[in-house]
Amino acid sequence: ILEIKDDGCGVSPTVQDTIFEKDVTFGKANGTGFGLYHARLFLSRWGGSISLKDTSTTGSVFAIKIPL
């Protein structure tokens, strides 16, 4: 398990359930919404996963699980 923390503004509750879906974006005026979607897609192909573990106004924590 790898945890990654950013220092952004957090993930809005309005997109937390869909943040890993295609075309969902938040926090950028010109975002495409492909980054987390592709991360989830590739990790699932390898038998892994990515999830939003925690979020607040001072950042978010994402957990990445990759099997041995």
PDB file of N, CA and C in Angstrom:
ATOM      1  N   ILE A   1       0.854  -1.182   0.000  1.00  0.00           N
ATOM      2  CA  ILE A   1       0.000   0.000   0.000  1.00  0.00           C
ATOM      3  C   ILE A   1       0.891   1.234   0.000  1.00  0.00           C
ATOM      4  N   LEU A   2       0.612   2.130  -0.915  1.00  0.00           N
ATOM      5  CA  LEU A   2       1.333   3.394  -1.021  1.00  0.00           C
ATOM      6  C   LEU A   2       0.323   4.510  -0.791  1.00  0.00           C
ATOM      7  N   GLU A   3       0.609   5.406   0.137  1.00  0.00           N
ATOM      8  CA  GLU A   3      -0.269   6.537   0.375  1.00  0.00           C
ATOM      9  C   GLU A   3       0.399   7.808  -0.126  1.00  0.00           C
ATOM     10  N   ILE A   4      -0.370   8.602  -0.845  1.00  0.00           N
ATOM     11  CA  ILE A   4       0.123   9.847  -1.406  1.00  0.00           C
ATOM     12  C   ILE A   4      -0.736  10.986  -0.878  1.00  0.00           C
ATOM     13  N   LYS A   5      -0.072  12.001  -0.305  1.00  0.00           N
ATOM     14  CA  LYS A   5      -0.786  13.156   0.224  1.00  0.00           C
ATOM     15  C   LYS A   5      -0.405  14.387  -0.581  1.00  0.00           C
ATOM     16  N   ASP A   6      -1.417  15.153  -0.963  1.00  0.00           N
ATOM     17  CA  ASP A   6      -1.145  16.422  -1.628  1.00  0.00           C
ATOM     18  C   ASP A   6      -1.469  17.559  -0.662  1.00  0.00           C
ATOM     19  N   ASP A   7      -1.155  18.766  -1.054  1.00  0.00           N
ATOM     20  CA  ASP A   7      -1.437  19.909  -0.193  1.00  0.00           C
ATOM     21  C   ASP A   7      -2.385  20.885  -0.888  1.00  0.00           C
ATOM     22  N   GLY A   8      -3.303  20.324  -1.653  1.00  0.00           N
ATOM     23  CA  GLY A   8      -4.279  21.149  -2.365  1.00  0.00           C
ATOM     24  C   GLY A   8      -5.447  21.541  -1.478  1.00  0.00           C
ATOM     25  N   CYS A   9      -6.551  21.876  -2.102  1.00  0.00           N
ATOM     26  CA  CYS A   9      -7.727  22.364  -1.380  1.00  0.00           C
ATOM     27  C   CYS A   9      -8.676  21.250  -0.970  1.00  0.00           C
ATOM     28  N   GLY A  10      -8.312  20.000  -1.198  1.00  0.00           N
ATOM     29  CA  GLY A  10      -9.189  18.886  -0.862  1.00  0.00           C
ATOM     30  C   GLY A  10     -10.126  18.558  -2.007  1.00  0.00           C
ATOM     31  N   VAL A  11     -10.843  17.449  -1.871  1.00  0.00           N
ATOM     32  CA  VAL A  11     -11.794  17.010  -2.899  1.00  0.00           C
ATOM     33  C   VAL A  11     -13.196  17.353  -2.421  1.00  0.00           C
ATOM     34  N   SER A  12     -13.921  18.061  -3.243  1.00  0.00           N
ATOM     35  CA  SER A  12     -15.278  18.478  -2.905  1.00  0.00           C
ATOM     36  C   SER A  12     -16.177  17.268  -2.645  1.00  0.00           C
ATOM     37  N   PRO A  13     -17.047  17.357  -1.658  1.00  0.00           N
ATOM     38  CA  PRO A  13     -18.000  16.265  -1.410  1.00  0.00           C
ATOM     39  C   PRO A  13     -18.876  15.960  -2.623  1.00  0.00           C
ATOM     40  N   THR A  14     -19.060  16.936  -3.510  1.00  0.00           N
ATOM     41  CA  THR A  14     -19.918  16.728  -4.679  1.00  0.00           C
ATOM     42  C   THR A  14     -19.322  15.769  -5.702  1.00  0.00           C
ATOM     43  N   VAL A  15     -17.998  15.557  -5.664  1.00  0.00           N
ATOM     44  CA  VAL A  15     -17.367  14.649  -6.631  1.00  0.00           C
ATOM     45  C   VAL A  15     -16.663  13.460  -5.983  1.00  0.00           C
ATOM     46  N   GLN A  16     -16.714  13.346  -4.667  1.00  0.00           N
ATOM     47  CA  GLN A  16     -15.974  12.277  -3.995  1.00  0.00           C
ATOM     48  C   GLN A  16     -16.404  10.883  -4.452  1.00  0.00           C
ATOM     49  N   ASP A  17     -17.681  10.688  -4.745  1.00  0.00           N
ATOM     50  CA  ASP A  17     -18.156   9.369  -5.178  1.00  0.00           C
ATOM     51  C   ASP A  17     -17.831   9.060  -6.629  1.00  0.00           C
ATOM     52  N   THR A  18     -17.474  10.082  -7.407  1.00  0.00           N
ATOM     53  CA  THR A  18     -17.256   9.881  -8.841  1.00  0.00           C
ATOM     54  C   THR A  18     -15.861  10.302  -9.305  1.00  0.00           C
ATOM     55  N   ILE A  19     -14.968  10.665  -8.396  1.00  0.00           N
ATOM     56  CA  ILE A  19     -13.672  11.258  -8.737  1.00  0.00           C
ATOM     57  C   ILE A  19     -12.812  10.348  -9.626  1.00  0.00           C
ATOM     58  N   PHE A  20     -13.041   9.037  -9.597  1.00  0.00           N
ATOM     59  CA  PHE A  20     -12.233   8.110 -10.396  1.00  0.00           C
ATOM     60  C   PHE A  20     -12.905   7.736 -11.725  1.00  0.00           C
ATOM     61  N   GLU A  21     -14.020   8.363 -12.045  1.00  0.00           N
ATOM     62  CA  GLU A  21     -14.714   8.094 -13.301  1.00  0.00           C
ATOM     63  C   GLU A  21     -14.204   9.017 -14.404  1.00  0.00           C
ATOM     64  N   LYS A  22     -14.389   8.579 -15.625  1.00  0.00           N
ATOM     65  CA  LYS A  22     -13.933   9.331 -16.796  1.00  0.00           C
ATOM     66  C   LYS A  22     -14.633  10.692 -16.877  1.00  0.00           C
ATOM     67  N   ASP A  23     -13.867  11.719 -17.211  1.00  0.00           N
ATOM     68  CA  ASP A  23     -14.348  13.085 -17.429  1.00  0.00           C
ATOM     69  C   ASP A  23     -14.754  13.830 -16.166  1.00  0.00           C
ATOM     70  N   VAL A  24     -14.501  13.275 -14.978  1.00  0.00           N
ATOM     71  CA  VAL A  24     -14.807  13.985 -13.737  1.00  0.00           C
ATOM     72  C   VAL A  24     -13.572  14.767 -13.326  1.00  0.00           C
ATOM     73  N   THR A  25     -13.747  16.055 -13.096  1.00  0.00           N
ATOM     74  CA  THR A  25     -12.633  16.900 -12.694  1.00  0.00           C
ATOM     75  C   THR A  25     -13.087  17.854 -11.604  1.00  0.00           C
ATOM     76  N   PHE A  26     -12.139  18.339 -10.851  1.00  0.00           N
ATOM     77  CA  PHE A  26     -12.435  19.283  -9.779  1.00  0.00           C
ATOM     78  C   PHE A  26     -11.173  20.070  -9.451  1.00  0.00           C
ATOM     79  N   GLY A  27     -11.323  21.365  -9.244  1.00  0.00           N
ATOM     80  CA  GLY A  27     -10.224  22.174  -8.753  1.00  0.00           C
ATOM     81  C   GLY A  27      -9.378  22.858  -9.813  1.00  0.00           C
ATOM     82  N   LYS A  28      -9.594  22.540 -11.093  1.00  0.00           N
ATOM     83  CA  LYS A  28      -8.833  23.193 -12.163  1.00  0.00           C
ATOM     84  C   LYS A  28      -9.808  23.720 -13.210  1.00  0.00           C
ATOM     85  N   ALA A  29      -9.527  24.904 -13.707  1.00  0.00           N
ATOM     86  CA  ALA A  29     -10.409  25.493 -14.713  1.00  0.00           C
ATOM     87  C   ALA A  29     -10.395  24.710 -16.018  1.00  0.00           C
ATOM     88  N   ASN A  30      -9.246  24.107 -16.363  1.00  0.00           N
ATOM     89  CA  ASN A  30      -9.119  23.411 -17.644  1.00  0.00           C
ATOM     90  C   ASN A  30      -8.816  21.929 -17.485  1.00  0.00           C
ATOM     91  N   GLY A  31      -9.236  21.314 -16.405  1.00  0.00           N
ATOM     92  CA  GLY A  31      -8.962  19.896 -16.189  1.00  0.00           C
ATOM     93  C   GLY A  31      -9.770  19.017 -17.123  1.00  0.00           C
ATOM     94  N   THR A  32      -9.205  17.866 -17.471  1.00  0.00           N
ATOM     95  CA  THR A  32      -9.900  16.930 -18.356  1.00  0.00           C
ATOM     96  C   THR A  32     -10.565  15.799 -17.592  1.00  0.00           C
ATOM     97  N   GLY A  33     -10.119  15.548 -16.365  1.00  0.00           N
ATOM     98  CA  GLY A  33     -10.694  14.474 -15.588  1.00  0.00           C
ATOM     99  C   GLY A  33     -10.162  13.103 -15.945  1.00  0.00           C
ATOM    100  N   PHE A  34      -9.030  13.023 -16.628  1.00  0.00           N
ATOM    101  CA  PHE A  34      -8.506  11.731 -17.049  1.00  0.00           C
ATOM    102  C   PHE A  34      -7.435  11.164 -16.110  1.00  0.00           C
ATOM    103  N   GLY A  35      -6.822  11.966 -15.272  1.00  0.00           N
ATOM    104  CA  GLY A  35      -5.709  11.497 -14.444  1.00  0.00           C
ATOM    105  C   GLY A  35      -6.083  10.383 -13.486  1.00  0.00           C
ATOM    106  N   LEU A  36      -7.048  10.616 -12.613  1.00  0.00           N
ATOM    107  CA  LEU A  36      -7.440   9.593 -11.652  1.00  0.00           C
ATOM    108  C   LEU A  36      -8.180   8.444 -12.330  1.00  0.00           C
ATOM    109  N   TYR A  37      -8.896   8.747 -13.394  1.00  0.00           N
ATOM    110  CA  TYR A  37      -9.567   7.689 -14.158  1.00  0.00           C
ATOM    111  C   TYR A  37      -8.541   6.706 -14.714  1.00  0.00           C
ATOM    112  N   HIS A  38      -7.491   7.230 -15.341  1.00  0.00           N
ATOM    113  CA  HIS A  38      -6.453   6.361 -15.904  1.00  0.00           C
ATOM    114  C   HIS A  38      -5.676   5.622 -14.812  1.00  0.00           C
ATOM    115  N   ALA A  39      -5.427   6.290 -13.708  1.00  0.00           N
ATOM    116  CA  ALA A  39      -4.759   5.618 -12.589  1.00  0.00           C
ATOM    117  C   ALA A  39      -5.572   4.415 -12.134  1.00  0.00           C
ATOM    118  N   ARG A  40      -6.876   4.594 -11.958  1.00  0.00           N
ATOM    119  CA  ARG A  40      -7.747   3.492 -11.534  1.00  0.00           C
ATOM    120  C   ARG A  40      -7.786   2.397 -12.589  1.00  0.00           C
ATOM    121  N   LEU A  41      -7.861   2.773 -13.856  1.00  0.00           N
ATOM    122  CA  LEU A  41      -7.920   1.811 -14.948  1.00  0.00           C
ATOM    123  C   LEU A  41      -6.672   0.929 -14.981  1.00  0.00           C
ATOM    124  N   PHE A  42      -5.497   1.535 -14.958  1.00  0.00           N
ATOM    125  CA  PHE A  42      -4.257   0.757 -15.014  1.00  0.00           C
ATOM    126  C   PHE A  42      -4.034  -0.068 -13.756  1.00  0.00           C
ATOM    127  N   LEU A  43      -4.322   0.505 -12.601  1.00  0.00           N
ATOM    128  CA  LEU A  43      -4.153  -0.253 -11.364  1.00  0.00           C
ATOM    129  C   LEU A  43      -5.083  -1.461 -11.320  1.00  0.00           C
ATOM    130  N   SER A  44      -6.312  -1.308 -11.795  1.00  0.00           N
ATOM    131  CA  SER A  44      -7.236  -2.442 -11.788  1.00  0.00           C
ATOM    132  C   SER A  44      -6.779  -3.528 -12.759  1.00  0.00           C
ATOM    133  N   ARG A  45      -6.156  -3.158 -13.861  1.00  0.00           N
ATOM    134  CA  ARG A  45      -5.613  -4.154 -14.801  1.00  0.00           C
ATOM    135  C   ARG A  45      -4.490  -4.969 -14.170  1.00  0.00           C
ATOM    136  N   TRP A  46      -3.787  -4.371 -13.216  1.00  0.00           N
ATOM    137  CA  TRP A  46      -2.692  -5.058 -12.527  1.00  0.00           C
ATOM    138  C   TRP A  46      -3.167  -5.731 -11.249  1.00  0.00           C
ATOM    139  N   GLY A  47      -4.485  -5.711 -10.993  1.00  0.00           N
ATOM    140  CA  GLY A  47      -5.031  -6.314  -9.789  1.00  0.00           C
ATOM    141  C   GLY A  47      -4.982  -5.406  -8.576  1.00  0.00           C
ATOM    142  N   GLY A  48      -4.734  -4.132  -8.802  1.00  0.00           N
ATOM    143  CA  GLY A  48      -4.631  -3.176  -7.710  1.00  0.00           C
ATOM    144  C   GLY A  48      -5.823  -2.247  -7.652  1.00  0.00           C
ATOM    145  N   SER A  49      -5.687  -1.207  -6.836  1.00  0.00           N
ATOM    146  CA  SER A  49      -6.777  -0.250  -6.679  1.00  0.00           C
ATOM    147  C   SER A  49      -6.230   1.096  -6.190  1.00  0.00           C
ATOM    148  N   ILE A  50      -7.063   2.106  -6.308  1.00  0.00           N
ATOM    149  CA  ILE A  50      -6.760   3.427  -5.773  1.00  0.00           C
ATOM    150  C   ILE A  50      -8.024   3.943  -5.108  1.00  0.00           C
ATOM    151  N   SER A  51      -7.860   4.608  -3.985  1.00  0.00           N
ATOM    152  CA  SER A  51      -9.018   5.144  -3.280  1.00  0.00           C
ATOM    153  C   SER A  51      -8.659   6.468  -2.617  1.00  0.00           C
ATOM    154  N   LEU A  52      -9.677   7.253  -2.389  1.00  0.00           N
ATOM    155  CA  LEU A  52      -9.531   8.491  -1.632  1.00  0.00           C
ATOM    156  C   LEU A  52      -9.671   8.123  -0.167  1.00  0.00           C
ATOM    157  N   LYS A  53      -8.587   8.208   0.562  1.00  0.00           N
ATOM    158  CA  LYS A  53      -8.586   7.788   1.963  1.00  0.00           C
ATOM    159  C   LYS A  53      -9.065   8.897   2.888  1.00  0.00           C
ATOM    160  N   ASP A  54      -8.644  10.135   2.600  1.00  0.00           N
ATOM    161  CA  ASP A  54      -9.000  11.260   3.460  1.00  0.00           C
ATOM    162  C   ASP A  54      -8.904  12.546   2.648  1.00  0.00           C
ATOM    163  N   THR A  55      -9.730  13.511   2.976  1.00  0.00           N
ATOM    164  CA  THR A  55      -9.652  14.803   2.318  1.00  0.00           C
ATOM    165  C   THR A  55     -10.097  15.896   3.278  1.00  0.00           C
ATOM    166  N   SER A  56      -9.454  17.038   3.174  1.00  0.00           N
ATOM    167  CA  SER A  56      -9.805  18.198   3.989  1.00  0.00           C
ATOM    168  C   SER A  56      -9.398  19.444   3.210  1.00  0.00           C
ATOM    169  N   THR A  57      -9.601  20.591   3.787  1.00  0.00           N
ATOM    170  CA  THR A  57      -9.257  21.845   3.106  1.00  0.00           C
ATOM    171  C   THR A  57      -7.752  22.041   2.976  1.00  0.00           C
ATOM    172  N   THR A  58      -6.957  21.181   3.611  1.00  0.00           N
ATOM    173  CA  THR A  58      -5.499  21.289   3.513  1.00  0.00           C
ATOM    174  C   THR A  58      -4.877  20.184   2.664  1.00  0.00           C
ATOM    175  N   GLY A  59      -5.702  19.383   1.993  1.00  0.00           N
ATOM    176  CA  GLY A  59      -5.165  18.359   1.114  1.00  0.00           C
ATOM    177  C   GLY A  59      -5.926  17.053   1.182  1.00  0.00           C
ATOM    178  N   SER A  60      -5.479  16.096   0.385  1.00  0.00           N
ATOM    179  CA  SER A  60      -6.119  14.794   0.302  1.00  0.00           C
ATOM    180  C   SER A  60      -5.075  13.696   0.395  1.00  0.00           C
ATOM    181  N   VAL A  61      -5.519  12.522   0.832  1.00  0.00           N
ATOM    182  CA  VAL A  61      -4.668  11.347   0.894  1.00  0.00           C
ATOM    183  C   VAL A  61      -5.299  10.275   0.025  1.00  0.00           C
ATOM    184  N   PHE A  62      -4.505   9.755  -0.903  1.00  0.00           N
ATOM    185  CA  PHE A  62      -4.946   8.670  -1.774  1.00  0.00           C
ATOM    186  C   PHE A  62      -4.157   7.423  -1.423  1.00  0.00           C
ATOM    187  N   ALA A  63      -4.837   6.289  -1.388  1.00  0.00           N
ATOM    188  CA  ALA A  63      -4.184   5.010  -1.104  1.00  0.00           C
ATOM    189  C   ALA A  63      -4.143   4.177  -2.373  1.00  0.00           C
ATOM    190  N   ILE A  64      -2.958   3.716  -2.734  1.00  0.00           N
ATOM    191  CA  ILE A  64      -2.765   2.866  -3.906  1.00  0.00           C
ATOM    192  C   ILE A  64      -2.341   1.481  -3.418  1.00  0.00           C
ATOM    193  N   LYS A  65      -3.065   0.460  -3.860  1.00  0.00           N
ATOM    194  CA  LYS A  65      -2.753  -0.916  -3.485  1.00  0.00           C
ATOM    195  C   LYS A  65      -2.328  -1.676  -4.739  1.00  0.00           C
ATOM    196  N   ILE A  66      -1.188  -2.306  -4.674  1.00  0.00           N
ATOM    197  CA  ILE A  66      -0.664  -3.103  -5.792  1.00  0.00           C
ATOM    198  C   ILE A  66      -0.274  -4.465  -5.233  1.00  0.00           C
ATOM    199  N   PRO A  67      -0.783  -5.548  -5.812  1.00  0.00           N
ATOM    200  CA  PRO A  67      -0.421  -6.867  -5.306  1.00  0.00           C
ATOM    201  C   PRO A  67       1.047  -7.204  -5.609  1.00  0.00           C
ATOM    202  N   LEU A  68       1.626  -8.046  -4.773  1.00  0.00           N
ATOM    203  CA  LEU A  68       3.016  -8.462  -4.980  1.00  0.00           C
ATOM    204  C   LEU A  68       3.160  -9.362  -6.174  1.00  0.00           C
TER     205      LEU A  68
END
